[in-house]
Amino acid sequence: MIACMVEAYGESIDPDTIHPYMWMNKAGYFMAGYEFMNFPYSFGLLFAKGLYAEYLKKGEEFVARYRQFLSATSKHNIADVAKLMDIDVHSIDFWRGALKLIEPDIEAFISTT
């Protein structure tokens, strides 16, 4: 596990802080066919980037409604909460806007691999 994490994280992690038995706690690392376990992380990243893209377009108008949005996140499903921000999670344009923000990161990754 230590070797895998050092290879994956490089100099961004102190090898002395790595839990040598993390694979026992996070079995999903090695379970083929369970890729969906990472879905919440991917969705969360893209949704947050999509929110930021909307902020860049709307500025203070966005900020004024953002607190209402945050207070509703634990009370409603994501589609209904997103509507508070005039976001349609079923719209491909929303997700494309989110991806546009991480496009430079994707390009950097591709160019280094």
Protein backbone atom coordinates (compact mmCIF):
# COMPACT_ATOMS: atom_id res chain seq x y z
CA MET A 1 0.00 0.00 0.00
CA ILE A 2 2.80 2.39 0.85
CA ALA A 3 4.51 1.85 -2.49
CA CYS A 4 1.23 2.36 -4.36
CA MET A 5 0.47 5.59 -2.55
CA VAL A 6 4.00 6.96 -2.99
CA GLU A 7 3.76 6.17 -6.70
CA ALA A 8 0.31 7.76 -6.97
CA TYR A 9 0.91 10.86 -4.85
CA GLY A 10 4.63 11.42 -5.41
CA GLU A 11 6.15 14.22 -3.38
CA SER A 12 2.75 15.54 -2.31
CA ILE A 13 2.56 13.04 0.54
CA ASP A 14 4.91 12.28 3.41
CA PRO A 15 5.58 8.51 3.20
CA ASP A 16 5.86 8.39 6.99
CA THR A 17 2.18 9.34 7.29
CA ILE A 18 0.82 6.62 5.02
CA HIS A 19 -1.30 3.96 6.66
CA PRO A 20 0.23 0.64 5.53
CA TYR A 21 -3.10 -1.18 5.79
CA MET A 22 -5.32 1.40 4.09
CA TRP A 23 -6.34 -1.27 1.63
CA MET A 24 -8.22 -2.96 4.50
CA ASN A 25 -10.17 0.23 5.22
CA LYS A 26 -10.73 1.25 1.60
CA ALA A 27 -11.29 -2.02 -0.22
CA GLY A 28 -12.77 -0.15 -3.17
CA TYR A 29 -9.24 0.76 -4.27
CA PHE A 30 -8.77 -2.77 -5.52
CA MET A 31 -12.26 -4.00 -6.35
CA ALA A 32 -12.75 -4.28 -10.09
CA GLY A 33 -16.30 -3.55 -11.15
CA TYR A 34 -16.97 -1.08 -8.34
CA GLU A 35 -15.86 2.09 -10.11
CA PHE A 36 -19.15 3.73 -9.08
CA MET A 37 -17.64 4.14 -5.62
CA ASN A 38 -15.79 7.17 -6.99
CA PHE A 39 -18.92 8.70 -8.52
CA PRO A 40 -19.69 10.99 -5.54
CA TYR A 41 -16.22 12.53 -5.78
CA SER A 42 -16.45 13.08 -9.53
CA PHE A 43 -19.98 14.42 -9.29
CA GLY A 44 -19.07 16.71 -6.40
CA LEU A 45 -16.08 18.14 -8.23
CA LEU A 46 -18.00 18.82 -11.42
CA PHE A 47 -21.03 20.20 -9.59
CA ALA A 48 -18.83 22.56 -7.56
CA LYS A 49 -17.02 23.68 -10.73
CA GLY A 50 -20.39 24.18 -12.43
CA LEU A 51 -21.51 26.35 -9.51
CA TYR A 52 -18.32 28.36 -9.82
CA ALA A 53 -18.89 28.80 -13.55
CA GLU A 54 -22.33 30.20 -12.74
CA TYR A 55 -20.79 32.54 -10.18
CA LEU A 56 -18.35 33.82 -12.80
CA LYS A 57 -21.32 34.62 -15.07
CA LYS A 58 -23.65 36.12 -12.46
CA GLY A 59 -21.38 37.61 -9.80
CA GLU A 60 -23.16 39.16 -6.81
CA GLU A 61 -26.55 37.91 -7.97
CA PHE A 62 -25.19 34.39 -7.48
CA VAL A 63 -23.72 35.16 -4.06
CA ALA A 64 -27.02 36.51 -2.75
CA ARG A 65 -28.74 33.15 -3.36
CA TYR A 66 -25.84 30.90 -2.46
CA ARG A 67 -26.61 30.80 1.28
CA GLN A 68 -30.17 29.70 0.58
CA PHE A 69 -28.73 27.01 -1.66
CA LEU A 70 -26.38 25.79 1.08
CA SER A 71 -29.12 25.61 3.67
CA ALA A 72 -31.26 23.50 1.34
CA THR A 73 -28.62 20.92 0.40
CA SER A 74 -29.42 18.50 3.18
CA LYS A 75 -33.18 18.85 2.81
CA HIS A 76 -33.83 18.21 -0.88
CA ASN A 77 -32.49 16.19 -3.79
CA ILE A 78 -29.74 17.66 -5.93
CA ALA A 79 -31.98 18.54 -8.88
CA ASP A 80 -34.31 20.59 -6.68
CA VAL A 81 -31.48 22.27 -4.81
CA ALA A 82 -29.74 23.16 -8.05
CA LYS A 83 -32.94 24.85 -9.27
CA LEU A 84 -32.49 27.36 -6.45
CA MET A 85 -29.44 28.53 -8.38
CA ASP A 86 -31.22 28.34 -11.76
CA ILE A 87 -29.19 25.25 -12.60
CA ASP A 88 -30.64 22.31 -14.46
CA VAL A 89 -28.51 19.27 -13.63
CA HIS A 90 -30.03 17.54 -16.65
CA SER A 91 -28.60 20.19 -18.97
CA ILE A 92 -25.47 19.17 -20.88
CA ASP A 93 -24.47 22.85 -21.04
CA PHE A 94 -24.17 23.02 -17.25
CA TRP A 95 -21.77 20.07 -17.19
CA ARG A 96 -19.82 21.37 -20.18
CA GLY A 97 -19.32 24.63 -18.31
CA ALA A 98 -17.96 22.69 -15.36
CA LEU A 99 -15.60 20.69 -17.56
CA LYS A 100 -14.42 23.88 -19.25
CA LEU A 101 -13.01 25.04 -15.92
CA ILE A 102 -10.93 21.90 -15.46
CA GLU A 103 -9.92 21.62 -19.10
CA PRO A 104 -6.45 23.10 -18.41
CA ASP A 105 -5.93 20.49 -15.67
CA ILE A 106 -6.99 17.71 -18.05
CA GLU A 107 -4.67 19.02 -20.77
CA ALA A 108 -1.77 19.24 -18.28
CA PHE A 109 -2.40 15.66 -17.19
CA ILE A 110 -2.53 14.43 -20.78
CA SER A 111 0.68 16.25 -21.70
CA THR A 112 2.59 14.73 -18.79
CA THR A 113 1.46 11.13 -19.22
